[in-house]
Amino acid sequence: MTTRDDLALAHRLADAAGAAIRPFFRARYDLEFKSDKSPVTEADKAAEAAIRAILEKERPRDGIIGEEYGTTREDAERVWVLDPIDGTRAFIAGRPIFGTLIALMQAGWPTVGIIDQPVTGERWAGMTGQPTTFNGTAVITRACRALDQAIVASTAPQAFPGCTAEHFSRLAGQCRDTIWGGDCYNYGLVASGHVDIVVEAGLKLYDVAALVPVVEGAGGRMCDWSGDPLTADSDGQVIALGDPARLDDVLEALAEGHHQHG
């Protein structure tokens, strides 16, 4: 059972991560590259370590899945899923559109989610059964009557593996405008009613789990490219919609890209 105590704890975890991250932003720090060529900084590690220290003390039976330090008690009923800096490339470039992602999953389903931008002081918080808040005030997604009125966002063209890029470009061609860059920040903008659609592929659980309660608590919808809900077993293809009524249009456009390519 998820309670307001869990949400309050998630806020404190985000506070701790932000305090660890801010001294490194636009500063000099050590940079490493993982085997998949993705960058990791001292800030990523410091932020996740700060979160884990609190969880180990206050929730010693809960599991943890983190991008930097792996999994602990991952078979627990309740598992915290952490991405200390989602958008490390933006962070390295000094762009304040990265975010800290903190989620609580229960039995494989995300029930609490926070997207925190520690430099601009922007925080979206979602919890199953509660309205999503932005800096403490409830937010709501916006209506979108047709794809040709939609702003669609995605992090990077090269982030689409295989032929999924063609699927996305087919969808983007039907939308009013396409925004590149933004990582988790885009999903907060969907929740607040500034962006209509985000489509991505190749995401990991720690990239996605926190986003679901935020978008859905604001009246939006998140699913995979088949329209199915996102769980711990999803394949990394993600759609976020401000207006759930556009789901069939988006699925159709992605599928047309598939048929064209195939």
C-alpha atoms as a PDB file:
ATOM      1  CA  MET A   1       0.000   0.000   0.000  1.00  0.00           C
ATOM      2  CA  THR A   2       1.348   3.387  -1.017  1.00  0.00           C
ATOM      3  CA  THR A   3       0.792   6.205   1.471  1.00  0.00           C
ATOM      4  CA  ARG A   4       1.433   9.915   1.742  1.00  0.00           C
ATOM      5  CA  ASP A   5       4.464   8.971   3.856  1.00  0.00           C
ATOM      6  CA  ASP A   6       5.963   7.386   0.738  1.00  0.00           C
ATOM      7  CA  LEU A   7       5.341  10.537  -1.263  1.00  0.00           C
ATOM      8  CA  ALA A   8       6.819  12.677   1.527  1.00  0.00           C
ATOM      9  CA  LEU A   9       9.890  10.433   1.574  1.00  0.00           C
ATOM     10  CA  ALA A  10      10.220  10.719  -2.215  1.00  0.00           C
ATOM     11  CA  HIS A  11      10.261  14.515  -1.839  1.00  0.00           C
ATOM     12  CA  ARG A  12      13.048  14.266   0.750  1.00  0.00           C
ATOM     13  CA  LEU A  13      15.007  11.929  -1.537  1.00  0.00           C
ATOM     14  CA  ALA A  14      14.705  14.510  -4.324  1.00  0.00           C
ATOM     15  CA  ASP A  15      15.880  17.252  -1.937  1.00  0.00           C
ATOM     16  CA  ALA A  16      18.955  15.179  -1.044  1.00  0.00           C
ATOM     17  CA  ALA A  17      19.739  14.433  -4.683  1.00  0.00           C
ATOM     18  CA  GLY A  18      19.411  18.101  -5.629  1.00  0.00           C
ATOM     19  CA  ALA A  19      21.777  19.163  -2.869  1.00  0.00           C
ATOM     20  CA  ALA A  20      24.318  16.651  -4.213  1.00  0.00           C
ATOM     21  CA  ILE A  21      23.892  17.742  -7.854  1.00  0.00           C
ATOM     22  CA  ARG A  22      23.846  21.544  -7.699  1.00  0.00           C
ATOM     23  CA  PRO A  23      27.536  22.089  -6.776  1.00  0.00           C
ATOM     24  CA  PHE A  24      28.552  20.184  -9.932  1.00  0.00           C
ATOM     25  CA  PHE A  25      26.307  22.008 -12.418  1.00  0.00           C
ATOM     26  CA  ARG A  26      28.393  24.028 -14.909  1.00  0.00           C
ATOM     27  CA  ALA A  27      31.451  23.214 -12.781  1.00  0.00           C
ATOM     28  CA  ARG A  28      34.532  21.038 -13.327  1.00  0.00           C
ATOM     29  CA  TYR A  29      34.100  17.372 -12.447  1.00  0.00           C
ATOM     30  CA  ASP A  30      35.235  13.904 -13.442  1.00  0.00           C
ATOM     31  CA  LEU A  31      33.510  12.254 -16.384  1.00  0.00           C
ATOM     32  CA  GLU A  32      33.459   8.573 -17.264  1.00  0.00           C
ATOM     33  CA  PHE A  33      31.859   6.599 -20.078  1.00  0.00           C
ATOM     34  CA  LYS A  34      30.024   3.309 -19.587  1.00  0.00           C
ATOM     35  CA  SER A  35      30.330   0.332 -21.910  1.00  0.00           C
ATOM     36  CA  ASP A  36      27.386   1.627 -23.977  1.00  0.00           C
ATOM     37  CA  LYS A  37      29.222   4.972 -24.428  1.00  0.00           C
ATOM     38  CA  SER A  38      26.753   6.814 -22.199  1.00  0.00           C
ATOM     39  CA  PRO A  39      28.381   9.393 -19.924  1.00  0.00           C
ATOM     40  CA  VAL A  40      28.311   9.335 -16.121  1.00  0.00           C
ATOM     41  CA  THR A  41      29.546  12.117 -13.823  1.00  0.00           C
ATOM     42  CA  GLU A  42      30.490  12.523 -10.191  1.00  0.00           C
ATOM     43  CA  ALA A  43      27.128  14.254  -9.785  1.00  0.00           C
ATOM     44  CA  ASP A  44      25.187  11.154 -10.939  1.00  0.00           C
ATOM     45  CA  LYS A  45      27.030   9.034  -8.396  1.00  0.00           C
ATOM     46  CA  ALA A  46      26.807  11.538  -5.533  1.00  0.00           C
ATOM     47  CA  ALA A  47      23.071  11.992  -6.044  1.00  0.00           C
ATOM     48  CA  GLU A  48      22.270   8.284  -6.116  1.00  0.00           C
ATOM     49  CA  ALA A  49      24.503   7.636  -3.099  1.00  0.00           C
ATOM     50  CA  ALA A  50      22.644  10.355  -1.159  1.00  0.00           C
ATOM     51  CA  ILE A  51      19.264   8.798  -2.009  1.00  0.00           C
ATOM     52  CA  ARG A  52      20.405   5.273  -1.145  1.00  0.00           C
ATOM     53  CA  ALA A  53      21.774   6.343   2.228  1.00  0.00           C
ATOM     54  CA  ILE A  54      18.331   7.631   3.240  1.00  0.00           C
ATOM     55  CA  LEU A  55      16.489   4.567   1.897  1.00  0.00           C
ATOM     56  CA  GLU A  56      18.810   2.110   3.641  1.00  0.00           C
ATOM     57  CA  LYS A  57      18.172   3.906   6.923  1.00  0.00           C
ATOM     58  CA  GLU A  58      14.436   4.519   6.616  1.00  0.00           C
ATOM     59  CA  ARG A  59      13.192   1.706   4.352  1.00  0.00           C
ATOM     60  CA  PRO A  60      15.650  -1.137   4.968  1.00  0.00           C
ATOM     61  CA  ARG A  61      13.277  -3.809   3.613  1.00  0.00           C
ATOM     62  CA  ASP A  62      12.429  -2.016   0.361  1.00  0.00           C
ATOM     63  CA  GLY A  63      14.288  -2.877  -2.826  1.00  0.00           C
ATOM     64  CA  ILE A  64      16.324  -0.379  -4.860  1.00  0.00           C
ATOM     65  CA  ILE A  65      17.033  -0.306  -8.580  1.00  0.00           C
ATOM     66  CA  GLY A  66      19.396   2.512  -9.524  1.00  0.00           C
ATOM     67  CA  GLU A  67      21.142   3.470 -12.731  1.00  0.00           C
ATOM     68  CA  GLU A  68      24.564   3.922 -11.129  1.00  0.00           C
ATOM     69  CA  TYR A  69      24.732   1.386  -8.295  1.00  0.00           C
ATOM     70  CA  GLY A  70      22.573  -1.469  -9.540  1.00  0.00           C
ATOM     71  CA  THR A  71      19.975  -3.474  -7.668  1.00  0.00           C
ATOM     72  CA  THR A  72      19.421  -4.274  -3.998  1.00  0.00           C
ATOM     73  CA  ARG A  73      16.616  -6.574  -2.798  1.00  0.00           C
ATOM     74  CA  GLU A  74      14.986  -6.296  -6.226  1.00  0.00           C
ATOM     75  CA  ASP A  75      12.534  -9.091  -5.330  1.00  0.00           C
ATOM     76  CA  ALA A  76      10.960  -6.973  -2.566  1.00  0.00           C
ATOM     77  CA  GLU A  77       7.272  -6.110  -2.860  1.00  0.00           C
ATOM     78  CA  ARG A  78       8.187  -2.404  -2.811  1.00  0.00           C
ATOM     79  CA  VAL A  79      11.080  -1.223  -4.955  1.00  0.00           C
ATOM     80  CA  TRP A  80      12.456   2.300  -5.334  1.00  0.00           C
ATOM     81  CA  VAL A  81      13.643   3.018  -8.874  1.00  0.00           C
ATOM     82  CA  LEU A  82      16.222   5.800  -9.263  1.00  0.00           C
ATOM     83  CA  ASP A  83      17.799   7.749 -12.089  1.00  0.00           C
ATOM     84  CA  PRO A  84      19.882  10.403 -10.305  1.00  0.00           C
ATOM     85  CA  ILE A  85      20.414  12.444 -13.484  1.00  0.00           C
ATOM     86  CA  ASP A  86      18.150  11.609 -16.404  1.00  0.00           C
ATOM     87  CA  GLY A  87      19.651  13.623 -19.219  1.00  0.00           C
ATOM     88  CA  THR A  88      23.333  13.437 -18.275  1.00  0.00           C
ATOM     89  CA  ARG A  89      24.320  14.835 -21.698  1.00  0.00           C
ATOM     90  CA  ALA A  90      22.188  17.932 -21.043  1.00  0.00           C
ATOM     91  CA  PHE A  91      23.733  18.224 -17.565  1.00  0.00           C
ATOM     92  CA  ILE A  92      27.265  18.044 -18.999  1.00  0.00           C
ATOM     93  CA  ALA A  93      26.394  20.718 -21.573  1.00  0.00           C
ATOM     94  CA  GLY A  94      25.070  23.028 -18.836  1.00  0.00           C
ATOM     95  CA  ARG A  95      21.446  22.773 -20.009  1.00  0.00           C
ATOM     96  CA  PRO A  96      18.952  22.763 -17.094  1.00  0.00           C
ATOM     97  CA  ILE A  97      16.541  20.302 -18.743  1.00  0.00           C
ATOM     98  CA  PHE A  98      17.825  17.165 -17.026  1.00  0.00           C
ATOM     99  CA  GLY A  99      16.068  15.770 -13.972  1.00  0.00           C
ATOM    100  CA  THR A 100      16.260  13.419 -11.028  1.00  0.00           C
ATOM    101  CA  LEU A 101      13.745  10.574 -11.305  1.00  0.00           C
ATOM    102  CA  ILE A 102      12.487   8.813  -8.176  1.00  0.00           C
ATOM    103  CA  ALA A 103       9.785   6.145  -8.333  1.00  0.00           C
ATOM    104  CA  LEU A 104       8.227   3.657  -5.958  1.00  0.00           C
ATOM    105  CA  MET A 105       6.992   0.467  -7.600  1.00  0.00           C
ATOM    106  CA  GLN A 106       4.702  -2.023  -5.899  1.00  0.00           C
ATOM    107  CA  ALA A 107       4.296  -5.493  -7.375  1.00  0.00           C
ATOM    108  CA  GLY A 108       5.828  -4.200 -10.616  1.00  0.00           C
ATOM    109  CA  TRP A 109       3.587  -1.128 -10.975  1.00  0.00           C
ATOM    110  CA  PRO A 110       4.774   2.478 -10.493  1.00  0.00           C
ATOM    111  CA  THR A 111       2.725   4.145  -7.725  1.00  0.00           C
ATOM    112  CA  VAL A 112       4.820   7.210  -6.803  1.00  0.00           C
ATOM    113  CA  GLY A 113       6.893   9.332  -9.157  1.00  0.00           C
ATOM    114  CA  ILE A 114       8.936  12.521  -8.932  1.00  0.00           C
ATOM    115  CA  ILE A 115      10.600  14.502 -11.716  1.00  0.00           C
ATOM    116  CA  ASP A 116      12.888  17.066 -10.089  1.00  0.00           C
ATOM    117  CA  GLN A 117      14.901  19.800 -11.832  1.00  0.00           C
ATOM    118  CA  PRO A 118      17.276  20.852  -9.030  1.00  0.00           C
ATOM    119  CA  VAL A 119      18.756  23.922 -10.755  1.00  0.00           C
ATOM    120  CA  THR A 120      15.542  25.699 -11.775  1.00  0.00           C
ATOM    121  CA  GLY A 121      13.699  24.434  -8.686  1.00  0.00           C
ATOM    122  CA  GLU A 122      10.925  22.713 -10.641  1.00  0.00           C
ATOM    123  CA  ARG A 123       9.343  19.535  -9.316  1.00  0.00           C
ATOM    124  CA  TRP A 124       6.499  17.383 -10.578  1.00  0.00           C
ATOM    125  CA  ALA A 125       5.128  14.806  -8.137  1.00  0.00           C
ATOM    126  CA  GLY A 126       2.617  12.075  -8.859  1.00  0.00           C
ATOM    127  CA  MET A 127       0.991   9.347  -6.789  1.00  0.00           C
ATOM    128  CA  THR A 128      -1.685   6.845  -7.714  1.00  0.00           C
ATOM    129  CA  GLY A 129      -5.102   8.211  -6.793  1.00  0.00           C
ATOM    130  CA  GLN A 130      -3.843  11.780  -6.274  1.00  0.00           C
ATOM    131  CA  PRO A 131      -3.648  14.739  -8.678  1.00  0.00           C
ATOM    132  CA  THR A 132      -0.154  15.480  -9.972  1.00  0.00           C
ATOM    133  CA  THR A 133       1.440  18.619  -8.557  1.00  0.00           C
ATOM    134  CA  PHE A 134       4.024  21.037  -9.928  1.00  0.00           C
ATOM    135  CA  ASN A 135       5.800  22.796  -7.046  1.00  0.00           C
ATOM    136  CA  GLY A 136       2.839  21.929  -4.842  1.00  0.00           C
ATOM    137  CA  THR A 137       0.032  23.086  -7.150  1.00  0.00           C
ATOM    138  CA  ALA A 138      -2.158  20.615  -9.067  1.00  0.00           C
ATOM    139  CA  VAL A 139      -1.565  20.544 -12.840  1.00  0.00           C
ATOM    140  CA  ILE A 140      -3.554  19.115 -15.715  1.00  0.00           C
ATOM    141  CA  THR A 141      -2.708  18.080 -19.262  1.00  0.00           C
ATOM    142  CA  ARG A 142      -4.320  19.891 -22.182  1.00  0.00           C
ATOM    143  CA  ALA A 143      -6.819  18.706 -24.757  1.00  0.00           C
ATOM    144  CA  CYS A 144      -5.546  18.055 -28.285  1.00  0.00           C
ATOM    145  CA  ARG A 145      -8.225  17.733 -30.967  1.00  0.00           C
ATOM    146  CA  ALA A 146      -6.013  16.301 -33.721  1.00  0.00           C
ATOM    147  CA  LEU A 147      -2.418  15.321 -34.420  1.00  0.00           C
ATOM    148  CA  ASP A 148      -1.934  18.338 -36.684  1.00  0.00           C
ATOM    149  CA  GLN A 149      -2.364  20.521 -33.590  1.00  0.00           C
ATOM    150  CA  ALA A 150       0.079  18.520 -31.459  1.00  0.00           C
ATOM    151  CA  ILE A 151       3.577  19.322 -30.247  1.00  0.00           C
ATOM    152  CA  VAL A 152       5.511  16.057 -30.100  1.00  0.00           C
ATOM    153  CA  ALA A 153       8.813  15.764 -28.216  1.00  0.00           C
ATOM    154  CA  SER A 154      11.618  13.220 -28.061  1.00  0.00           C
ATOM    155  CA  THR A 155      15.143  13.246 -26.698  1.00  0.00           C
ATOM    156  CA  ALA A 156      17.252  12.487 -29.787  1.00  0.00           C
ATOM    157  CA  PRO A 157      16.791  10.993 -33.277  1.00  0.00           C
ATOM    158  CA  GLN A 158      19.703   8.616 -32.708  1.00  0.00           C
ATOM    159  CA  ALA A 159      17.966   7.222 -29.611  1.00  0.00           C
ATOM    160  CA  PHE A 160      15.577   5.256 -31.813  1.00  0.00           C
ATOM    161  CA  PRO A 161      17.133   1.825 -32.398  1.00  0.00           C
ATOM    162  CA  GLY A 162      16.645  -0.011 -35.702  1.00  0.00           C
ATOM    163  CA  CYS A 163      13.727   1.064 -37.866  1.00  0.00           C
ATOM    164  CA  THR A 164      11.846   2.750 -35.013  1.00  0.00           C
ATOM    165  CA  ALA A 165      13.173   6.100 -36.306  1.00  0.00           C
ATOM    166  CA  GLU A 166      11.000   5.715 -39.405  1.00  0.00           C
ATOM    167  CA  HIS A 167       7.958   5.048 -37.239  1.00  0.00           C
ATOM    168  CA  PHE A 168       8.640   8.209 -35.258  1.00  0.00           C
ATOM    169  CA  SER A 169       9.258  10.392 -38.314  1.00  0.00           C
ATOM    170  CA  ARG A 170       5.936   9.233 -39.757  1.00  0.00           C
ATOM    171  CA  LEU A 171       4.177  10.366 -36.579  1.00  0.00           C
ATOM    172  CA  ALA A 172       6.154  13.612 -36.348  1.00  0.00           C
ATOM    173  CA  GLY A 173       5.226  14.421 -39.959  1.00  0.00           C
ATOM    174  CA  GLN A 174       1.566  14.494 -38.925  1.00  0.00           C
ATOM    175  CA  CYS A 175       2.150  16.774 -35.905  1.00  0.00           C
ATOM    176  CA  ARG A 176       2.329  20.559 -35.806  1.00  0.00           C
ATOM    177  CA  ASP A 177       5.822  20.721 -34.350  1.00  0.00           C
ATOM    178  CA  THR A 178       8.624  18.446 -33.146  1.00  0.00           C
ATOM    179  CA  ILE A 179      10.871  19.319 -30.196  1.00  0.00           C
ATOM    180  CA  TRP A 180      14.205  17.517 -29.723  1.00  0.00           C
ATOM    181  CA  GLY A 181      16.037  17.205 -26.407  1.00  0.00           C
ATOM    182  CA  GLY A 182      14.548  17.249 -22.943  1.00  0.00           C
ATOM    183  CA  ASP A 183      14.663  13.703 -21.542  1.00  0.00           C
ATOM    184  CA  CYS A 184      12.356  13.462 -18.503  1.00  0.00           C
ATOM    185  CA  TYR A 185      11.661  17.214 -18.575  1.00  0.00           C
ATOM    186  CA  ASN A 186       9.377  16.692 -21.586  1.00  0.00           C
ATOM    187  CA  TYR A 187       7.087  14.452 -19.543  1.00  0.00           C
ATOM    188  CA  GLY A 188       6.713  17.135 -16.905  1.00  0.00           C
ATOM    189  CA  LEU A 189       5.755  19.539 -19.691  1.00  0.00           C
ATOM    190  CA  VAL A 190       3.088  17.060 -20.834  1.00  0.00           C
ATOM    191  CA  ALA A 191       1.698  16.933 -17.284  1.00  0.00           C
ATOM    192  CA  SER A 192       1.608  20.753 -17.139  1.00  0.00           C
ATOM    193  CA  GLY A 193      -0.130  21.052 -20.517  1.00  0.00           C
ATOM    194  CA  HIS A 194       2.669  22.548 -22.649  1.00  0.00           C
ATOM    195  CA  VAL A 195       3.567  19.489 -24.760  1.00  0.00           C
ATOM    196  CA  ASP A 196       1.032  17.026 -26.194  1.00  0.00           C
ATOM    197  CA  ILE A 197       2.957  13.848 -26.985  1.00  0.00           C
ATOM    198  CA  VAL A 198       6.317  12.284 -26.114  1.00  0.00           C
ATOM    199  CA  VAL A 199       7.473   9.183 -27.983  1.00  0.00           C
ATOM    200  CA  GLU A 200      10.692   7.322 -27.204  1.00  0.00           C
ATOM    201  CA  ALA A 201      12.328   3.934 -27.650  1.00  0.00           C
ATOM    202  CA  GLY A 202      15.124   2.090 -25.885  1.00  0.00           C
ATOM    203  CA  LEU A 203      14.295   3.368 -22.401  1.00  0.00           C
ATOM    204  CA  LYS A 204      15.184   1.461 -19.229  1.00  0.00           C
ATOM    205  CA  LEU A 205      12.938   0.991 -16.209  1.00  0.00           C
ATOM    206  CA  TYR A 206      14.701   3.782 -14.286  1.00  0.00           C
ATOM    207  CA  ASP A 207      14.029   6.160 -17.229  1.00  0.00           C
ATOM    208  CA  VAL A 208      10.295   5.447 -17.177  1.00  0.00           C
ATOM    209  CA  ALA A 209       8.938   4.395 -13.767  1.00  0.00           C
ATOM    210  CA  ALA A 210       8.722   7.877 -12.215  1.00  0.00           C
ATOM    211  CA  LEU A 211       7.062   9.376 -15.283  1.00  0.00           C
ATOM    212  CA  VAL A 212       3.918   7.227 -15.212  1.00  0.00           C
ATOM    213  CA  PRO A 213       2.319   8.535 -11.970  1.00  0.00           C
ATOM    214  CA  VAL A 214       3.211  12.116 -12.970  1.00  0.00           C
ATOM    215  CA  VAL A 215       1.645  12.031 -16.442  1.00  0.00           C
ATOM    216  CA  GLU A 216      -1.365   9.900 -15.509  1.00  0.00           C
ATOM    217  CA  GLY A 217      -2.110  11.864 -12.327  1.00  0.00           C
ATOM    218  CA  ALA A 218      -2.424  14.991 -14.495  1.00  0.00           C
ATOM    219  CA  GLY A 219      -5.008  13.319 -16.739  1.00  0.00           C
ATOM    220  CA  GLY A 220      -2.630  11.959 -19.372  1.00  0.00           C
ATOM    221  CA  ARG A 221      -1.849   8.426 -20.457  1.00  0.00           C
ATOM    222  CA  MET A 222       1.371   6.426 -20.701  1.00  0.00           C
ATOM    223  CA  CYS A 223       1.783   3.150 -22.544  1.00  0.00           C
ATOM    224  CA  ASP A 224       4.058   1.217 -24.884  1.00  0.00           C
ATOM    225  CA  TRP A 225       3.851   1.307 -28.701  1.00  0.00           C
ATOM    226  CA  SER A 226       1.159  -1.379 -28.594  1.00  0.00           C
ATOM    227  CA  GLY A 227      -1.001   0.694 -26.256  1.00  0.00           C
ATOM    228  CA  ASP A 228      -0.311  -1.556 -23.251  1.00  0.00           C
ATOM    229  CA  PRO A 229       0.436  -0.170 -19.753  1.00  0.00           C
ATOM    230  CA  LEU A 230       4.080   0.260 -18.727  1.00  0.00           C
ATOM    231  CA  THR A 231       5.383  -2.194 -16.128  1.00  0.00           C
ATOM    232  CA  ALA A 232       8.727  -3.549 -14.980  1.00  0.00           C
ATOM    233  CA  ASP A 233       8.637  -5.909 -17.994  1.00  0.00           C
ATOM    234  CA  SER A 234       8.000  -3.310 -20.743  1.00  0.00           C
ATOM    235  CA  ASP A 235      10.335  -3.218 -23.752  1.00  0.00           C
ATOM    236  CA  GLY A 236      11.465   0.416 -23.605  1.00  0.00           C
ATOM    237  CA  GLN A 237       9.119   1.812 -26.273  1.00  0.00           C
ATOM    238  CA  VAL A 238       7.145   4.585 -24.592  1.00  0.00           C
ATOM    239  CA  ILE A 239       4.290   6.936 -25.471  1.00  0.00           C
ATOM    240  CA  ALA A 240       3.109   9.759 -23.209  1.00  0.00           C
ATOM    241  CA  LEU A 241      -0.098  11.541 -24.174  1.00  0.00           C
ATOM    242  CA  GLY A 242      -1.580  14.658 -22.652  1.00  0.00           C
ATOM    243  CA  ASP A 243      -4.924  13.823 -24.261  1.00  0.00           C
ATOM    244  CA  PRO A 244      -5.681  10.079 -24.066  1.00  0.00           C
ATOM    245  CA  ALA A 245      -8.207  10.536 -26.908  1.00  0.00           C
ATOM    246  CA  ARG A 246      -5.265  10.773 -29.339  1.00  0.00           C
ATOM    247  CA  LEU A 247      -3.944   7.307 -28.487  1.00  0.00           C
ATOM    248  CA  ASP A 248      -5.397   5.535 -31.537  1.00  0.00           C
ATOM    249  CA  ASP A 249      -4.088   8.289 -33.856  1.00  0.00           C
ATOM    250  CA  VAL A 250      -0.582   7.958 -32.430  1.00  0.00           C
ATOM    251  CA  LEU A 251      -0.596   4.149 -32.542  1.00  0.00           C
ATOM    252  CA  GLU A 252      -1.863   4.256 -36.131  1.00  0.00           C
ATOM    253  CA  ALA A 253       0.837   6.713 -37.236  1.00  0.00           C
ATOM    254  CA  LEU A 254       3.571   4.612 -35.607  1.00  0.00           C
ATOM    255  CA  ALA A 255       2.154   1.462 -37.214  1.00  0.00           C
ATOM    256  CA  GLU A 256       2.020   3.143 -40.642  1.00  0.00           C
ATOM    257  CA  GLY A 257       5.684   3.931 -40.290  1.00  0.00           C
ATOM    258  CA  HIS A 258       6.194   0.267 -39.587  1.00  0.00           C
ATOM    259  CA  HIS A 259       4.225  -0.871 -42.651  1.00  0.00           C
ATOM    260  CA  GLN A 260       6.004   1.629 -44.871  1.00  0.00           C
ATOM    261  CA  HIS A 261       9.353   0.436 -43.659  1.00  0.00           C
ATOM    262  CA  GLY A 262       8.414  -3.230 -43.716  1.00  0.00           C
END
